[in-house]
N, C-alpha and C. Protein backbone atom coordinates (compact mmCIF):
# COMPACT_ATOMS: atom_id res chain seq x y z
N MET A 1 87.86 79.16 -33.98
CA MET A 1 87.06 78.05 -33.59
C MET A 1 87.23 77.73 -31.71
N LYS A 2 89.04 78.08 -31.99
CA LYS A 2 89.76 77.99 -30.63
C LYS A 2 88.22 79.35 -29.19
N LYS A 3 88.21 80.34 -30.70
CA LYS A 3 88.06 81.76 -29.15
C LYS A 3 86.32 81.84 -29.02
N LEU A 4 86.16 80.76 -30.12
CA LEU A 4 84.61 80.83 -29.83
C LEU A 4 84.21 79.62 -28.38
N PHE A 5 85.45 78.63 -28.31
CA PHE A 5 85.41 77.40 -27.72
C PHE A 5 85.55 78.22 -26.53
N LEU A 6 86.56 79.20 -26.54
CA LEU A 6 87.35 79.60 -24.69
C LEU A 6 85.70 80.65 -24.47
N PHE A 7 84.91 81.36 -25.50
CA PHE A 7 84.14 81.97 -25.01
C PHE A 7 83.21 81.60 -24.62
N MET A 8 82.28 80.44 -24.86
CA MET A 8 81.25 79.19 -24.22
C MET A 8 82.12 79.02 -23.06
N ALA A 9 83.41 79.41 -22.67
CA ALA A 9 83.38 78.30 -21.06
C ALA A 9 83.62 79.59 -20.76
N LEU A 10 84.03 80.23 -20.97
CA LEU A 10 83.85 81.14 -19.71
C LEU A 10 82.35 81.57 -19.63
N ALA A 11 81.55 82.55 -20.21
CA ALA A 11 80.25 82.06 -20.13
C ALA A 11 79.46 81.61 -18.69
N GLY A 12 80.03 80.32 -19.43
CA GLY A 12 79.60 78.59 -18.35
C GLY A 12 80.02 79.37 -16.87
N LEU A 13 81.43 79.79 -16.84
CA LEU A 13 81.75 79.58 -15.87
C LEU A 13 81.21 80.92 -15.07
N ASN A 14 80.64 81.90 -15.92
CA ASN A 14 80.18 83.39 -15.22
C ASN A 14 78.52 83.19 -15.00
N VAL A 15 78.37 82.09 -15.71
CA VAL A 15 76.37 81.81 -15.42
C VAL A 15 76.89 81.43 -13.92
N ALA A 16 77.96 80.19 -13.65
CA ALA A 16 77.67 78.90 -12.71
C ALA A 16 77.83 79.91 -11.30
N ALA A 17 78.89 81.00 -11.51
CA ALA A 17 79.17 82.13 -10.29
C ALA A 17 78.59 82.91 -10.22
N PHE A 18 77.49 82.95 -10.76
CA PHE A 18 75.60 83.90 -9.48
C PHE A 18 74.66 82.70 -9.62
N ALA A 19 74.47 82.01 -10.07
CA ALA A 19 73.46 80.49 -10.01
C ALA A 19 73.96 80.71 -8.22
N GLN A 20 72.77 81.47 -6.91
CA GLN A 20 72.87 81.10 -6.49
C GLN A 20 72.46 79.78 -5.27
N GLY A 21 71.27 79.54 -5.23
CA GLY A 21 70.51 78.40 -4.56
C GLY A 21 70.45 79.21 -3.27
N ALA A 22 69.32 77.45 -2.50
CA ALA A 22 68.85 78.14 -0.78
C ALA A 22 69.61 78.68 -0.34
N LYS A 23 70.44 79.17 1.11
CA LYS A 23 70.67 80.03 1.81
C LYS A 23 70.44 79.84 3.26
N ILE A 24 70.70 79.22 3.91
CA ILE A 24 70.06 79.94 5.67
C ILE A 24 70.47 80.71 6.42
N GLU A 25 69.85 81.76 6.97
CA GLU A 25 70.68 83.20 7.61
C GLU A 25 70.16 82.53 9.38
N PHE A 26 70.37 82.59 10.36
CA PHE A 26 69.48 81.83 11.55
C PHE A 26 69.90 83.72 12.49
N LYS A 27 68.86 83.73 12.91
CA LYS A 27 68.71 85.13 13.45
C LYS A 27 69.71 85.00 14.93
N ASP A 28 69.77 84.62 15.25
CA ASP A 28 70.80 84.10 16.23
C ASP A 28 71.71 84.17 16.49
N LYS A 29 72.59 85.49 17.10
CA LYS A 29 73.79 85.31 16.95
C LYS A 29 74.38 84.43 17.52
N ASN A 30 75.95 83.96 15.97
CA ASN A 30 76.77 83.10 16.16
C ASN A 30 75.73 81.43 16.36
N ASN A 31 74.41 81.36 16.33
CA ASN A 31 73.14 79.86 15.67
C ASN A 31 73.20 80.00 17.18
N THR A 32 73.56 80.79 18.16
CA THR A 32 73.59 79.84 19.98
C THR A 32 72.58 81.05 20.47
N ILE A 33 71.60 80.03 21.46
CA ILE A 33 70.76 80.89 22.18
C ILE A 33 71.22 79.66 23.27
N ASP A 34 71.01 80.93 23.90
CA ASP A 34 71.32 80.94 25.81
C ASP A 34 70.58 80.84 26.51
N TYR A 35 70.45 80.30 27.17
CA TYR A 35 69.21 80.02 28.03
C TYR A 35 69.49 80.59 29.67
N GLY A 36 70.86 81.03 30.11
CA GLY A 36 71.23 82.06 30.85
C GLY A 36 71.19 80.77 32.11
N THR A 37 70.47 81.25 33.31
CA THR A 37 70.86 80.69 34.75
C THR A 37 69.24 80.60 34.97
N VAL A 38 68.65 78.27 34.36
CA VAL A 38 66.69 78.85 34.90
C VAL A 38 67.02 77.18 35.54
N THR A 39 65.61 77.92 36.34
CA THR A 39 65.41 77.04 37.94
C THR A 39 64.61 76.01 37.11
N LYS A 40 64.75 74.90 37.60
CA LYS A 40 64.29 73.67 37.23
C LYS A 40 62.76 73.53 37.98
N GLY A 41 61.80 73.75 36.43
CA GLY A 41 60.41 72.67 37.16
C GLY A 41 59.93 74.60 36.81
N SER A 42 60.54 75.83 36.49
CA SER A 42 60.26 76.92 36.32
C SER A 42 60.44 77.13 34.55
N ASP A 43 60.83 76.41 33.88
CA ASP A 43 60.70 76.24 32.88
C ASP A 43 60.68 75.59 31.82
N SER A 44 60.30 75.25 30.59
CA SER A 44 59.43 74.51 30.01
C SER A 44 60.85 73.48 29.05
N GLY A 45 62.06 74.18 28.97
CA GLY A 45 62.67 73.93 27.94
C GLY A 45 63.06 74.14 26.98
N LEU A 46 61.84 74.72 25.70
CA LEU A 46 61.76 74.52 24.48
C LEU A 46 61.88 75.98 24.02
N ARG A 47 63.19 76.14 23.11
CA ARG A 47 63.37 77.42 22.38
C ARG A 47 63.66 76.95 21.30
N SER A 48 63.43 78.16 20.00
CA SER A 48 63.23 77.77 18.71
C SER A 48 64.44 78.85 18.02
N PHE A 49 65.19 77.88 17.27
CA PHE A 49 66.20 79.01 15.80
C PHE A 49 64.93 79.27 14.51
N GLU A 50 64.63 80.61 15.36
CA GLU A 50 64.71 80.92 13.65
C GLU A 50 65.49 81.70 12.25
N PHE A 51 65.23 81.15 11.61
CA PHE A 51 65.91 81.63 10.20
C PHE A 51 64.74 82.15 8.86
N THR A 52 65.52 83.04 8.29
CA THR A 52 65.40 82.98 6.79
C THR A 52 66.13 82.36 5.61
N ASN A 53 65.49 82.09 4.26
CA ASN A 53 65.83 81.53 2.65
C ASN A 53 66.06 82.91 1.89
N THR A 54 67.73 83.13 2.60
CA THR A 54 68.03 83.98 1.54
C THR A 54 68.99 84.08 0.25
N GLY A 55 68.76 82.70 -0.23
CA GLY A 55 68.55 81.94 -1.13
C GLY A 55 67.32 82.33 -2.83
N ASP A 56 67.47 81.46 -3.64
CA ASP A 56 66.53 81.91 -4.35
C ASP A 56 65.69 80.36 -4.91
N ALA A 57 66.15 79.62 -3.86
CA ALA A 57 65.65 78.49 -4.69
C ALA A 57 65.16 78.00 -3.39
N PRO A 58 64.04 76.57 -3.37
CA PRO A 58 63.78 76.45 -1.78
C PRO A 58 64.64 75.54 -1.06
N LEU A 59 64.67 75.72 0.15
CA LEU A 59 65.66 75.41 1.46
C LEU A 59 65.15 74.45 1.70
N ILE A 60 65.67 72.71 1.66
CA ILE A 60 64.75 71.59 2.33
C ILE A 60 65.81 70.96 3.34
N ILE A 61 65.07 71.35 4.63
CA ILE A 61 65.91 70.61 5.90
C ILE A 61 65.56 69.21 5.26
N THR A 62 66.73 68.34 5.31
CA THR A 62 66.82 66.62 5.70
C THR A 62 66.38 66.28 6.74
N ASN A 63 67.29 66.29 7.41
CA ASN A 63 67.64 66.14 8.96
C ASN A 63 68.19 67.26 10.69
N VAL A 64 67.51 66.30 11.32
CA VAL A 64 68.22 67.83 12.12
C VAL A 64 69.10 66.86 14.05
N GLN A 65 69.81 66.75 14.03
CA GLN A 65 69.87 65.59 15.08
C GLN A 65 70.78 66.21 16.17
N SER A 66 70.77 66.06 17.56
CA SER A 66 70.96 66.71 18.75
C SER A 66 72.46 65.68 19.30
N THR A 67 73.25 65.64 19.69
CA THR A 67 74.98 65.19 20.53
C THR A 67 74.51 64.49 21.58
N CYS A 68 73.17 64.44 22.04
CA CYS A 68 72.77 63.66 22.72
C CYS A 68 70.95 63.14 23.22
N GLY A 69 70.13 62.73 24.55
CA GLY A 69 68.89 61.89 23.94
C GLY A 69 67.94 63.46 24.69
N CYS A 70 69.15 64.46 25.67
CA CYS A 70 68.39 65.11 26.34
C CYS A 70 67.84 66.64 25.33
N THR A 71 68.09 66.65 24.57
CA THR A 71 67.80 67.98 23.58
C THR A 71 67.52 67.27 22.38
N VAL A 72 65.83 67.56 22.40
CA VAL A 72 65.52 66.59 21.14
C VAL A 72 64.59 68.07 19.85
N PRO A 73 65.61 67.87 19.13
CA PRO A 73 65.13 69.07 18.02
C PRO A 73 64.20 68.72 17.14
N SER A 74 63.07 69.64 16.43
CA SER A 74 62.80 69.31 15.79
C SER A 74 62.42 70.38 14.37
N LYS A 75 61.59 69.16 13.47
CA LYS A 75 62.28 70.33 12.51
C LYS A 75 60.75 70.51 10.87
N PRO A 76 61.26 71.67 9.86
CA PRO A 76 60.10 72.08 8.86
C PRO A 76 59.87 70.72 8.29
N THR A 77 58.55 70.68 8.08
CA THR A 77 58.57 69.17 6.81
C THR A 77 58.06 69.91 5.50
N GLU A 78 57.83 70.75 5.95
CA GLU A 78 58.00 71.66 4.28
C GLU A 78 59.13 72.17 3.30
N PRO A 79 58.99 72.48 2.41
CA PRO A 79 60.29 73.71 2.03
C PRO A 79 60.09 75.24 2.40
N ILE A 80 60.83 75.79 2.43
CA ILE A 80 60.96 76.82 2.93
C ILE A 80 61.39 78.02 1.59
N MET A 81 60.43 78.70 1.60
CA MET A 81 60.63 79.24 -0.06
C MET A 81 61.74 80.29 0.24
N PRO A 82 62.33 80.85 -1.05
CA PRO A 82 63.29 81.68 -0.87
C PRO A 82 61.94 83.16 -0.34
N GLY A 83 62.97 83.96 0.81
CA GLY A 83 62.61 84.81 1.54
C GLY A 83 61.75 84.96 2.57
N LYS A 84 61.34 83.57 2.37
CA LYS A 84 59.93 82.97 4.07
C LYS A 84 61.30 82.57 5.08
N THR A 85 60.35 82.74 5.66
CA THR A 85 61.17 82.35 7.79
C THR A 85 60.69 80.65 7.96
N GLY A 86 61.39 79.82 8.73
CA GLY A 86 61.09 79.25 9.77
C GLY A 86 61.13 79.22 10.96
N LYS A 87 61.23 77.57 11.47
CA LYS A 87 61.90 77.94 12.67
C LYS A 87 62.04 76.13 13.00
N ILE A 88 63.81 75.86 13.38
CA ILE A 88 64.23 75.12 14.57
C ILE A 88 63.29 74.94 15.90
N ASP A 89 62.25 74.05 16.35
CA ASP A 89 61.71 74.08 17.65
C ASP A 89 63.14 73.18 18.99
N VAL A 90 63.86 73.40 19.92
CA VAL A 90 64.48 72.13 20.73
C VAL A 90 64.54 72.21 22.09
N LYS A 91 63.40 70.97 22.34
CA LYS A 91 63.48 70.90 23.49
C LYS A 91 64.27 70.06 24.93
N TYR A 92 65.08 71.17 25.47
CA TYR A 92 65.98 70.19 26.39
C TYR A 92 65.42 69.67 27.23
N ASN A 93 65.86 69.09 28.36
CA ASN A 93 65.02 67.96 29.71
C ASN A 93 65.55 69.04 30.40
N MET A 94 65.45 70.00 31.00
CA MET A 94 66.22 70.53 32.53
C MET A 94 66.79 69.88 32.80
N ALA A 95 67.80 69.20 33.19
CA ALA A 95 68.19 68.64 34.47
C ALA A 95 69.55 69.18 34.90
N PRO A 96 69.40 69.54 36.00
CA PRO A 96 70.75 70.22 36.37
C PRO A 96 72.00 70.50 36.79
N GLY A 97 72.64 71.22 36.16
CA GLY A 97 74.15 71.06 35.70
C GLY A 97 73.39 72.02 34.43
N PRO A 98 75.28 72.36 34.01
CA PRO A 98 75.16 72.82 33.00
C PRO A 98 75.49 72.62 31.94
N ILE A 99 74.59 73.72 30.62
CA ILE A 99 74.04 73.24 29.29
C ILE A 99 75.01 73.76 28.15
N ARG A 100 75.36 72.25 27.72
CA ARG A 100 76.44 73.11 26.13
C ARG A 100 75.65 71.60 25.19
N LYS A 101 74.65 72.11 24.62
CA LYS A 101 74.36 70.76 23.24
C LYS A 101 74.67 71.69 21.94
N THR A 102 75.28 71.09 21.01
CA THR A 102 74.59 71.20 20.12
C THR A 102 74.37 70.40 18.86
N ILE A 103 73.80 71.11 17.67
CA ILE A 103 72.17 70.31 17.27
C ILE A 103 72.75 70.91 15.80
N THR A 104 73.14 69.10 14.77
CA THR A 104 72.93 69.88 13.49
C THR A 104 71.82 69.58 12.32
N VAL A 105 71.69 70.38 12.04
CA VAL A 105 71.08 70.84 10.39
C VAL A 105 71.91 70.14 9.53
N GLU A 106 70.96 69.35 8.97
CA GLU A 106 71.31 68.85 7.21
C GLU A 106 70.09 69.71 6.12
N SER A 107 71.25 70.45 5.38
CA SER A 107 69.89 70.79 4.49
C SER A 107 71.16 70.85 2.93
N ASN A 108 70.26 71.65 1.91
CA ASN A 108 70.84 71.76 0.95
C ASN A 108 70.85 73.17 0.66
N ALA A 109 71.41 73.87 1.58
CA ALA A 109 72.38 75.41 1.56
C ALA A 109 73.37 75.46 0.97
N VAL A 110 73.49 76.22 -0.03
CA VAL A 110 74.77 76.67 -0.15
C VAL A 110 76.17 77.05 0.32
N ASN A 111 75.27 78.59 1.83
CA ASN A 111 75.94 78.56 2.16
C ASN A 111 76.70 78.29 2.99
N TYR A 112 76.41 77.26 3.66
CA TYR A 112 77.72 76.51 4.81
C TYR A 112 78.00 74.56 3.82
N GLU A 113 79.01 74.63 4.38
CA GLU A 113 80.39 73.01 3.31
C GLU A 113 78.85 72.24 4.14
N GLY A 114 78.66 71.38 2.79
CA GLY A 114 77.86 70.19 2.44
C GLY A 114 76.14 70.21 3.20
N GLY A 115 76.15 71.58 3.20
CA GLY A 115 74.86 72.24 3.69
C GLY A 115 75.07 71.54 5.31
N ARG A 116 75.47 71.33 6.16
CA ARG A 116 75.22 71.27 6.83
C ARG A 116 75.55 72.25 8.71
N VAL A 117 74.93 72.72 8.76
CA VAL A 117 75.07 73.77 10.49
C VAL A 117 75.15 74.06 12.10
N PRO A 118 75.79 74.34 12.02
CA PRO A 118 75.96 73.67 13.55
C PRO A 118 74.91 74.70 13.70
N LEU A 119 73.97 74.29 15.57
CA LEU A 119 73.49 75.07 16.61
C LEU A 119 73.82 74.81 17.74
N LYS A 120 74.12 76.01 18.49
CA LYS A 120 74.07 75.29 19.80
C LYS A 120 73.47 76.33 20.47
N ILE A 121 73.20 75.21 22.02
CA ILE A 121 72.69 75.65 23.25
C ILE A 121 73.35 76.06 24.06
N LYS A 122 73.23 76.88 25.30
CA LYS A 122 74.05 76.89 26.23
C LYS A 122 73.01 77.75 27.91
N GLY A 123 73.97 77.40 28.85
CA GLY A 123 73.14 77.72 30.27
C GLY A 123 73.51 76.67 31.82
N GLU A 124 72.38 77.03 31.99
CA GLU A 124 72.50 76.23 33.99
C GLU A 124 70.91 75.81 34.01
N VAL A 125 70.84 75.32 34.52
CA VAL A 125 70.14 75.01 34.72
C VAL A 125 70.61 74.43 36.67
N VAL A 126 69.29 74.77 37.09
CA VAL A 126 69.65 75.35 38.77
C VAL A 126 68.37 74.55 39.71
N ASP A 127 69.33 73.51 40.53
CA ASP A 127 67.64 73.04 41.57
C ASP A 127 67.16 74.12 42.12
N ALA A 128 66.03 74.98 43.21
CA ALA A 128 65.93 75.69 43.44
C ALA A 128 66.26 74.67 44.96
N SER A 129 65.34 73.42 45.17
CA SER A 129 65.26 72.46 46.74
C SER A 129 66.73 72.18 46.84
N GLN A 130 67.96 72.48 46.11
CA GLN A 130 69.12 72.43 46.91
C GLN A 130 69.39 73.66 47.70
N THR A 131 70.08 73.26 48.24
CA THR A 131 70.42 75.03 48.84
C THR A 131 71.56 75.19 49.07
N SER A 132 72.15 76.44 48.99
CA SER A 132 73.97 76.31 49.37
C SER A 132 74.47 76.57 50.58
N PRO A 133 75.86 75.32 50.70
CA PRO A 133 76.05 75.07 52.53
C PRO A 133 76.84 76.35 52.48
N LEU A 134 76.88 77.67 51.89
CA LEU A 134 76.63 78.80 52.09
C LEU A 134 76.20 79.38 52.95
N GLU A 135 74.65 78.99 52.72
CA GLU A 135 73.88 79.73 52.94
C GLU A 135 73.51 79.26 54.92
N LYS A 136 73.22 80.03 55.65
CA LYS A 136 72.77 80.23 57.17
C LYS A 136 71.32 79.08 56.95
N PRO A 137 70.98 77.86 58.10
CA PRO A 137 69.57 77.47 57.74
C PRO A 137 68.79 78.36 58.52
N LYS A 138 68.19 78.64 58.00
CA LYS A 138 66.59 79.03 58.89
C LYS A 138 66.02 78.93 59.92
N THR A 139 66.39 79.67 61.23
CA THR A 139 65.61 79.05 62.25
C THR A 139 64.41 79.68 63.02
N SER A 140 63.74 79.23 63.75
CA SER A 140 62.48 79.80 63.89
C SER A 140 62.85 80.55 64.78
N PRO A 141 62.26 81.63 65.11
CA PRO A 141 61.71 82.44 66.93
C PRO A 141 61.80 82.29 67.69
N MET A 142 60.30 81.12 67.74
CA MET A 142 59.94 80.77 68.03
C MET A 142 61.19 79.24 69.41
N ARG A 143 62.11 78.95 68.78
CA ARG A 143 63.08 77.94 69.11
C ARG A 143 63.80 78.36 70.73
């Protein structure tokens, strides 16, 4: 009887070890999008994080939130089936200065602790109307 119970317990653990669930894998290296140096007014600030559900269950993204109001993320409304891809759009307001923002994705993905995935955007927005103090003012040849 003890051997039967032990066998059933081990079999149960073995099945649980092979159960997967939904898994999210992002295309971008280190889950980061680099805007680079962009000029204010010449870029909409919209970028997309593309991902694939590499698990064996539907991926459900329950929430996507930013650390501030200058970055507005949007999430898929439908579950992402195994093997299918989806995207999370992020719109930055393109205020001049450095970009260093984190977006948190909450999902049922089993490959991240608690299903929470941090996404990052980085870069710098420059204002073309401001000139560098190192530049000489341009003078007209008529003066």
